[in-house]
Amino acid sequence: MDIVEINKVLSNQIRIDILNWLKKPEDNFPKQIYVPDFSDGVCVCHIQDKSGLSQSTVSHYLNMMQKVDLLIATRHGKWTYYRRNESEILKYIQTLSNEL
């Protein structure tokens, strides 16, 4: 785990907002077609709509977050769904607690 890289990813309010929204997707996003129970996460299109950012910016942010293991991506056809990687988020928090 690279704390510095994770901190860089978390240095943007929208990326923190995305993590917060994904914590309770049923409260923050509309029902979905392919994954109505959010078990595989939230479609990029819904995250983009909520953020108000361009598709390319949201995809870049989600890719950054996935690269440091904060998110897990799952494909359904041409759509990608993202959910929080709770075990890695917990490891990050514990590592911060232990090192600071």
N, C-alpha and C. Protein backbone atom coordinates (compact mmCIF):
# COMPACT_ATOMS: atom_id res chain seq x y z
N MET A 1 0.85 -1.18 0.00
CA MET A 1 0.00 0.00 0.00
C MET A 1 0.89 1.24 0.00
N ASP A 2 0.60 2.11 -0.94
CA ASP A 2 1.37 3.34 -1.06
C ASP A 2 0.52 4.51 -0.55
N ILE A 3 0.74 4.89 0.69
CA ILE A 3 -0.05 5.92 1.34
C ILE A 3 0.06 7.25 0.60
N VAL A 4 1.23 7.57 0.11
CA VAL A 4 1.42 8.84 -0.59
C VAL A 4 0.55 8.88 -1.85
N GLU A 5 0.53 7.79 -2.61
CA GLU A 5 -0.28 7.75 -3.82
C GLU A 5 -1.77 7.84 -3.50
N ILE A 6 -2.20 7.14 -2.45
CA ILE A 6 -3.61 7.22 -2.04
C ILE A 6 -3.94 8.64 -1.60
N ASN A 7 -3.04 9.26 -0.86
CA ASN A 7 -3.28 10.64 -0.43
C ASN A 7 -3.41 11.58 -1.62
N LYS A 8 -2.60 11.35 -2.65
CA LYS A 8 -2.70 12.17 -3.85
C LYS A 8 -4.08 12.02 -4.49
N VAL A 9 -4.56 10.79 -4.57
CA VAL A 9 -5.88 10.53 -5.15
C VAL A 9 -6.96 11.21 -4.31
N LEU A 10 -6.79 11.19 -3.00
CA LEU A 10 -7.80 11.76 -2.10
C LEU A 10 -7.66 13.27 -1.91
N SER A 11 -6.76 13.88 -2.65
CA SER A 11 -6.54 15.33 -2.51
C SER A 11 -7.49 16.16 -3.37
N ASN A 12 -8.56 15.55 -3.82
CA ASN A 12 -9.54 16.22 -4.67
C ASN A 12 -10.93 16.00 -4.08
N GLN A 13 -11.70 17.07 -3.89
CA GLN A 13 -12.99 16.98 -3.22
C GLN A 13 -13.98 16.10 -3.98
N ILE A 14 -13.98 16.16 -5.29
CA ILE A 14 -14.93 15.32 -6.05
C ILE A 14 -14.62 13.85 -5.87
N ARG A 15 -13.34 13.49 -5.83
CA ARG A 15 -12.99 12.08 -5.63
C ARG A 15 -13.41 11.62 -4.23
N ILE A 16 -13.29 12.48 -3.24
CA ILE A 16 -13.78 12.15 -1.89
C ILE A 16 -15.29 12.04 -1.93
N ASP A 17 -15.95 12.95 -2.64
CA ASP A 17 -17.41 12.88 -2.77
C ASP A 17 -17.84 11.55 -3.39
N ILE A 18 -17.14 11.12 -4.43
CA ILE A 18 -17.47 9.85 -5.08
C ILE A 18 -17.37 8.71 -4.08
N LEU A 19 -16.31 8.67 -3.30
CA LEU A 19 -16.20 7.62 -2.27
C LEU A 19 -17.35 7.69 -1.28
N ASN A 20 -17.72 8.89 -0.89
CA ASN A 20 -18.84 9.05 0.04
C ASN A 20 -20.15 8.60 -0.60
N TRP A 21 -20.39 8.99 -1.85
CA TRP A 21 -21.62 8.57 -2.54
C TRP A 21 -21.69 7.06 -2.66
N LEU A 22 -20.54 6.43 -2.94
CA LEU A 22 -20.52 4.98 -3.12
C LEU A 22 -20.67 4.22 -1.79
N LYS A 23 -20.49 4.91 -0.69
CA LYS A 23 -20.66 4.26 0.61
C LYS A 23 -22.11 3.81 0.80
N LYS A 24 -23.06 4.63 0.34
CA LYS A 24 -24.48 4.29 0.39
C LYS A 24 -25.10 4.58 -0.98
N PRO A 25 -24.81 3.74 -1.96
CA PRO A 25 -25.26 4.03 -3.32
C PRO A 25 -26.78 4.11 -3.44
N GLU A 26 -27.49 3.33 -2.67
CA GLU A 26 -28.95 3.35 -2.76
C GLU A 26 -29.54 4.71 -2.34
N ASP A 27 -28.81 5.47 -1.54
CA ASP A 27 -29.24 6.80 -1.12
C ASP A 27 -28.81 7.90 -2.09
N ASN A 28 -27.83 7.60 -2.94
CA ASN A 28 -27.22 8.64 -3.76
C ASN A 28 -27.41 8.51 -5.26
N PHE A 29 -27.88 7.35 -5.71
CA PHE A 29 -28.00 7.12 -7.15
C PHE A 29 -29.35 6.50 -7.48
N PRO A 30 -29.82 6.72 -8.72
CA PRO A 30 -31.09 6.10 -9.13
C PRO A 30 -30.94 4.60 -9.35
N LYS A 31 -32.05 3.92 -9.43
CA LYS A 31 -32.03 2.48 -9.73
C LYS A 31 -31.35 2.27 -11.07
N GLN A 32 -30.70 1.12 -11.20
CA GLN A 32 -29.96 0.81 -12.41
C GLN A 32 -30.62 -0.35 -13.14
N ILE A 33 -30.27 -0.51 -14.40
CA ILE A 33 -30.89 -1.56 -15.22
C ILE A 33 -30.23 -2.92 -14.98
N TYR A 34 -28.91 -3.00 -15.17
CA TYR A 34 -28.23 -4.29 -15.12
C TYR A 34 -27.90 -4.75 -13.71
N VAL A 35 -27.67 -3.82 -12.80
CA VAL A 35 -27.31 -4.17 -11.43
C VAL A 35 -28.21 -3.35 -10.49
N PRO A 36 -29.50 -3.71 -10.41
CA PRO A 36 -30.44 -2.89 -9.64
C PRO A 36 -30.16 -2.86 -8.14
N ASP A 37 -29.46 -3.86 -7.62
CA ASP A 37 -29.20 -3.90 -6.18
C ASP A 37 -27.84 -3.32 -5.79
N PHE A 38 -27.12 -2.75 -6.73
CA PHE A 38 -25.81 -2.13 -6.51
C PHE A 38 -24.73 -3.12 -6.04
N SER A 39 -24.98 -4.43 -6.19
CA SER A 39 -24.00 -5.42 -5.73
C SER A 39 -22.66 -5.30 -6.45
N ASP A 40 -22.68 -4.89 -7.71
CA ASP A 40 -21.43 -4.69 -8.46
C ASP A 40 -21.03 -3.23 -8.54
N GLY A 41 -21.77 -2.38 -7.85
CA GLY A 41 -21.43 -0.97 -7.82
C GLY A 41 -22.40 -0.11 -8.59
N VAL A 42 -21.91 1.06 -8.98
CA VAL A 42 -22.71 2.08 -9.65
C VAL A 42 -22.13 2.33 -11.04
N CYS A 43 -23.01 2.44 -12.00
CA CYS A 43 -22.60 2.71 -13.38
C CYS A 43 -21.90 4.07 -13.47
N VAL A 44 -20.88 4.12 -14.28
CA VAL A 44 -20.13 5.36 -14.49
C VAL A 44 -21.07 6.49 -14.90
N CYS A 45 -22.08 6.18 -15.70
CA CYS A 45 -22.98 7.23 -16.18
C CYS A 45 -23.70 7.92 -15.02
N HIS A 46 -24.06 7.17 -13.98
CA HIS A 46 -24.73 7.78 -12.82
C HIS A 46 -23.76 8.62 -11.99
N ILE A 47 -22.52 8.15 -11.88
CA ILE A 47 -21.51 8.92 -11.15
C ILE A 47 -21.24 10.23 -11.89
N GLN A 48 -21.16 10.14 -13.21
CA GLN A 48 -20.95 11.34 -14.03
C GLN A 48 -22.10 12.31 -13.86
N ASP A 49 -23.33 11.82 -13.93
CA ASP A 49 -24.50 12.70 -13.77
C ASP A 49 -24.48 13.42 -12.44
N LYS A 50 -24.19 12.69 -11.37
CA LYS A 50 -24.20 13.28 -10.03
C LYS A 50 -23.08 14.30 -9.87
N SER A 51 -21.92 14.02 -10.45
CA SER A 51 -20.77 14.92 -10.29
C SER A 51 -20.89 16.18 -11.13
N GLY A 52 -21.58 16.08 -12.26
CA GLY A 52 -21.68 17.21 -13.17
C GLY A 52 -20.43 17.42 -14.01
N LEU A 53 -19.51 16.48 -13.96
CA LEU A 53 -18.26 16.58 -14.71
C LEU A 53 -18.37 15.83 -16.03
N SER A 54 -17.42 16.05 -16.91
CA SER A 54 -17.41 15.34 -18.19
C SER A 54 -17.13 13.85 -17.98
N GLN A 55 -17.53 13.07 -18.96
CA GLN A 55 -17.31 11.63 -18.89
C GLN A 55 -15.83 11.30 -18.80
N SER A 56 -15.01 12.03 -19.56
CA SER A 56 -13.57 11.75 -19.55
C SER A 56 -12.95 12.07 -18.19
N THR A 57 -13.38 13.15 -17.55
CA THR A 57 -12.85 13.50 -16.22
C THR A 57 -13.26 12.47 -15.18
N VAL A 58 -14.53 12.08 -15.20
CA VAL A 58 -15.01 11.08 -14.24
C VAL A 58 -14.30 9.75 -14.46
N SER A 59 -14.14 9.34 -15.70
CA SER A 59 -13.42 8.09 -15.99
C SER A 59 -11.99 8.16 -15.49
N HIS A 60 -11.36 9.29 -15.69
CA HIS A 60 -9.98 9.47 -15.22
C HIS A 60 -9.93 9.36 -13.69
N TYR A 61 -10.84 10.04 -13.00
CA TYR A 61 -10.88 9.97 -11.54
C TYR A 61 -11.12 8.54 -11.05
N LEU A 62 -12.08 7.86 -11.66
CA LEU A 62 -12.38 6.49 -11.24
C LEU A 62 -11.20 5.56 -11.50
N ASN A 63 -10.52 5.77 -12.62
CA ASN A 63 -9.33 4.97 -12.94
C ASN A 63 -8.22 5.20 -11.91
N MET A 64 -8.04 6.46 -11.52
CA MET A 64 -7.03 6.78 -10.50
C MET A 64 -7.36 6.06 -9.18
N MET A 65 -8.62 6.09 -8.81
CA MET A 65 -9.05 5.49 -7.55
C MET A 65 -8.94 3.96 -7.60
N GLN A 66 -9.21 3.40 -8.77
CA GLN A 66 -9.07 1.95 -8.93
C GLN A 66 -7.60 1.55 -8.89
N LYS A 67 -6.74 2.36 -9.47
CA LYS A 67 -5.31 2.06 -9.54
C LYS A 67 -4.68 1.93 -8.14
N VAL A 68 -5.20 2.69 -7.16
CA VAL A 68 -4.68 2.60 -5.79
C VAL A 68 -5.58 1.71 -4.92
N ASP A 69 -6.44 0.93 -5.56
CA ASP A 69 -7.28 -0.08 -4.90
C ASP A 69 -8.38 0.47 -4.00
N LEU A 70 -8.77 1.73 -4.19
CA LEU A 70 -9.89 2.26 -3.42
C LEU A 70 -11.23 1.82 -4.01
N LEU A 71 -11.23 1.49 -5.31
CA LEU A 71 -12.45 1.06 -5.99
C LEU A 71 -12.23 -0.26 -6.72
N ILE A 72 -13.32 -0.97 -6.90
CA ILE A 72 -13.33 -2.21 -7.68
C ILE A 72 -14.25 -1.99 -8.88
N ALA A 73 -13.77 -2.31 -10.07
CA ALA A 73 -14.56 -2.14 -11.29
C ALA A 73 -15.07 -3.50 -11.77
N THR A 74 -16.32 -3.50 -12.26
CA THR A 74 -16.92 -4.70 -12.83
C THR A 74 -17.61 -4.30 -14.13
N ARG A 75 -17.35 -5.07 -15.18
CA ARG A 75 -17.96 -4.79 -16.49
C ARG A 75 -19.23 -5.61 -16.67
N HIS A 76 -20.24 -4.95 -17.23
CA HIS A 76 -21.47 -5.60 -17.67
C HIS A 76 -21.73 -5.09 -19.08
N GLY A 77 -21.40 -5.91 -20.08
CA GLY A 77 -21.52 -5.46 -21.45
C GLY A 77 -20.59 -4.30 -21.70
N LYS A 78 -21.12 -3.19 -22.19
CA LYS A 78 -20.28 -2.02 -22.45
C LYS A 78 -20.21 -1.08 -21.25
N TRP A 79 -20.86 -1.41 -20.16
CA TRP A 79 -20.91 -0.54 -18.99
C TRP A 79 -19.96 -1.01 -17.90
N THR A 80 -19.35 -0.06 -17.22
CA THR A 80 -18.48 -0.37 -16.09
C THR A 80 -19.14 0.16 -14.82
N TYR A 81 -19.13 -0.67 -13.80
CA TYR A 81 -19.72 -0.34 -12.50
C TYR A 81 -18.59 -0.30 -11.47
N TYR A 82 -18.68 0.66 -10.56
CA TYR A 82 -17.65 0.82 -9.54
C TYR A 82 -18.27 0.72 -8.16
N ARG A 83 -17.53 0.05 -7.28
CA ARG A 83 -17.90 -0.01 -5.87
C ARG A 83 -16.65 0.18 -5.02
N ARG A 84 -16.88 0.55 -3.78
CA ARG A 84 -15.76 0.76 -2.85
C ARG A 84 -15.08 -0.56 -2.54
N ASN A 85 -13.78 -0.51 -2.36
CA ASN A 85 -13.01 -1.66 -1.91
C ASN A 85 -12.83 -1.49 -0.41
N GLU A 86 -13.82 -1.94 0.34
CA GLU A 86 -13.87 -1.68 1.78
C GLU A 86 -12.64 -2.21 2.53
N SER A 87 -12.13 -3.36 2.13
CA SER A 87 -10.97 -3.92 2.84
C SER A 87 -9.74 -3.04 2.66
N GLU A 88 -9.53 -2.51 1.45
CA GLU A 88 -8.38 -1.63 1.21
C GLU A 88 -8.56 -0.27 1.88
N ILE A 89 -9.77 0.23 1.91
CA ILE A 89 -10.03 1.49 2.61
C ILE A 89 -9.74 1.34 4.09
N LEU A 90 -10.16 0.22 4.66
CA LEU A 90 -9.89 -0.05 6.08
C LEU A 90 -8.39 -0.19 6.33
N LYS A 91 -7.67 -0.88 5.44
CA LYS A 91 -6.21 -1.00 5.58
C LYS A 91 -5.55 0.36 5.54
N TYR A 92 -6.00 1.21 4.64
CA TYR A 92 -5.47 2.57 4.51
C TYR A 92 -5.67 3.33 5.82
N ILE A 93 -6.86 3.29 6.36
CA ILE A 93 -7.16 4.00 7.61
C ILE A 93 -6.31 3.45 8.75
N GLN A 94 -6.17 2.14 8.83
CA GLN A 94 -5.36 1.53 9.88
C GLN A 94 -3.89 1.89 9.72
N THR A 95 -3.41 1.90 8.49
CA THR A 95 -2.02 2.26 8.24
C THR A 95 -1.77 3.71 8.65
N LEU A 96 -2.66 4.59 8.28
CA LEU A 96 -2.53 6.00 8.71
C LEU A 96 -2.50 6.10 10.22
N SER A 97 -3.38 5.39 10.87
CA SER A 97 -3.45 5.42 12.33
C SER A 97 -2.16 4.93 12.97
N ASN A 98 -1.60 3.90 12.40
CA ASN A 98 -0.37 3.31 12.95
C ASN A 98 0.87 4.16 12.67
N GLU A 99 0.89 4.84 11.53
CA GLU A 99 2.09 5.56 11.14
C GLU A 99 2.11 7.02 11.57
N LEU A 100 0.95 7.58 11.88
CA LEU A 100 0.92 9.00 12.28
C LEU A 100 0.70 9.14 13.77
